[in-house]
Amino acid sequence: MKKDIAQSHAEEAPRGMSLETIIAVGVFGWMALGVVMMGLGIW
């Protein structure tokens, strides 16, 4: 039982990290696009 739980956590960890990374990159990407669009609009 303990081994199965450890394996499930080991498999879920990379997925969680990848999802968090994708979300972080997406948020920063949208922020960058917003800043660029505002800059183009102002200039």
N, C-alpha and C. Protein backbone atom coordinates (compact mmCIF):
# COMPACT_ATOMS: atom_id res chain seq x y z
N MET A 1 0.84 -1.21 0.00
CA MET A 1 0.00 0.00 0.00
C MET A 1 0.88 1.26 0.00
N LYS A 2 1.87 1.28 0.86
CA LYS A 2 2.73 2.46 0.93
C LYS A 2 3.48 2.65 -0.38
N LYS A 3 3.92 1.56 -0.98
CA LYS A 3 4.67 1.66 -2.24
C LYS A 3 3.77 2.24 -3.34
N ASP A 4 2.53 1.79 -3.39
CA ASP A 4 1.60 2.30 -4.42
C ASP A 4 1.39 3.80 -4.23
N ILE A 5 1.23 4.22 -2.99
CA ILE A 5 1.01 5.65 -2.72
C ILE A 5 2.24 6.46 -3.13
N ALA A 6 3.42 5.96 -2.80
CA ALA A 6 4.66 6.66 -3.16
C ALA A 6 4.76 6.78 -4.68
N GLN A 7 4.45 5.71 -5.39
CA GLN A 7 4.54 5.74 -6.85
C GLN A 7 3.54 6.75 -7.42
N SER A 8 2.32 6.77 -6.89
CA SER A 8 1.31 7.70 -7.40
C SER A 8 1.77 9.14 -7.17
N HIS A 9 2.34 9.42 -6.00
CA HIS A 9 2.82 10.78 -5.73
C HIS A 9 3.98 11.11 -6.65
N ALA A 10 4.87 10.16 -6.88
CA ALA A 10 6.04 10.40 -7.75
C ALA A 10 5.56 10.71 -9.16
N GLU A 11 4.49 10.05 -9.60
CA GLU A 11 3.98 10.29 -10.96
C GLU A 11 3.24 11.62 -11.04
N GLU A 12 2.56 11.99 -9.96
CA GLU A 12 1.78 13.23 -9.99
C GLU A 12 2.66 14.47 -9.82
N ALA A 13 3.79 14.34 -9.14
CA ALA A 13 4.65 15.50 -8.88
C ALA A 13 5.08 16.19 -10.18
N PRO A 14 5.66 15.45 -11.14
CA PRO A 14 6.11 16.11 -12.38
C PRO A 14 4.95 16.79 -13.11
N ARG A 15 3.80 16.16 -13.11
CA ARG A 15 2.64 16.75 -13.80
C ARG A 15 2.26 18.06 -13.13
N GLY A 16 2.25 18.07 -11.79
CA GLY A 16 1.89 19.28 -11.07
C GLY A 16 2.89 20.39 -11.37
N MET A 17 4.16 20.06 -11.38
CA MET A 17 5.19 21.05 -11.67
C MET A 17 5.01 21.59 -13.08
N SER A 18 4.75 20.71 -14.03
CA SER A 18 4.61 21.15 -15.42
C SER A 18 3.39 22.06 -15.55
N LEU A 19 2.30 21.70 -14.89
CA LEU A 19 1.09 22.54 -14.97
C LEU A 19 1.37 23.90 -14.34
N GLU A 20 2.04 23.91 -13.19
CA GLU A 20 2.35 25.18 -12.54
C GLU A 20 3.25 26.03 -13.43
N THR A 21 4.22 25.36 -14.07
CA THR A 21 5.14 26.09 -14.96
C THR A 21 4.38 26.69 -16.13
N ILE A 22 3.47 25.89 -16.73
CA ILE A 22 2.69 26.37 -17.88
C ILE A 22 1.83 27.56 -17.46
N ILE A 23 1.20 27.45 -16.28
CA ILE A 23 0.34 28.54 -15.81
C ILE A 23 1.17 29.80 -15.56
N ALA A 24 2.34 29.64 -14.92
CA ALA A 24 3.20 30.79 -14.63
C ALA A 24 3.65 31.45 -15.94
N VAL A 25 4.08 30.62 -16.89
CA VAL A 25 4.54 31.16 -18.18
C VAL A 25 3.38 31.87 -18.89
N GLY A 26 2.19 31.29 -18.82
CA GLY A 26 1.03 31.90 -19.48
C GLY A 26 0.69 33.25 -18.84
N VAL A 27 0.73 33.31 -17.51
CA VAL A 27 0.41 34.57 -16.82
C VAL A 27 1.43 35.64 -17.20
N PHE A 28 2.72 35.28 -17.12
CA PHE A 28 3.75 36.27 -17.47
C PHE A 28 3.64 36.65 -18.94
N GLY A 29 3.27 35.69 -19.78
CA GLY A 29 3.14 35.98 -21.22
C GLY A 29 2.01 36.98 -21.46
N TRP A 30 0.87 36.76 -20.80
CA TRP A 30 -0.25 37.69 -20.98
C TRP A 30 0.12 39.07 -20.45
N MET A 31 0.86 39.11 -19.31
CA MET A 31 1.27 40.40 -18.75
C MET A 31 2.19 41.11 -19.73
N ALA A 32 3.13 40.36 -20.33
CA ALA A 32 4.06 40.96 -21.30
C ALA A 32 3.28 41.48 -22.51
N LEU A 33 2.34 40.69 -23.00
CA LEU A 33 1.54 41.13 -24.16
C LEU A 33 0.75 42.39 -23.80
N GLY A 34 0.20 42.43 -22.59
CA GLY A 34 -0.56 43.60 -22.17
C GLY A 34 0.32 44.84 -22.14
N VAL A 35 1.53 44.69 -21.60
CA VAL A 35 2.45 45.83 -21.53
C VAL A 35 2.82 46.28 -22.93
N VAL A 36 3.09 45.33 -23.82
CA VAL A 36 3.47 45.68 -25.21
C VAL A 36 2.31 46.39 -25.90
N MET A 37 1.10 45.85 -25.75
CA MET A 37 -0.05 46.47 -26.41
C MET A 37 -0.28 47.88 -25.86
N MET A 38 -0.14 48.06 -24.53
CA MET A 38 -0.31 49.39 -23.94
C MET A 38 0.77 50.32 -24.47
N GLY A 39 2.00 49.81 -24.58
CA GLY A 39 3.10 50.63 -25.10
C GLY A 39 2.81 51.06 -26.53
N LEU A 40 2.34 50.14 -27.35
CA LEU A 40 2.04 50.49 -28.74
C LEU A 40 0.90 51.50 -28.79
N GLY A 41 -0.09 51.32 -27.92
CA GLY A 41 -1.22 52.25 -27.92
C GLY A 41 -0.79 53.64 -27.49
N ILE A 42 0.08 53.72 -26.48
CA ILE A 42 0.55 55.03 -26.00
C ILE A 42 1.43 55.68 -27.05
N TRP A 43 2.35 54.89 -27.62
CA TRP A 43 3.27 55.47 -28.61
C TRP A 43 2.55 55.57 -29.95
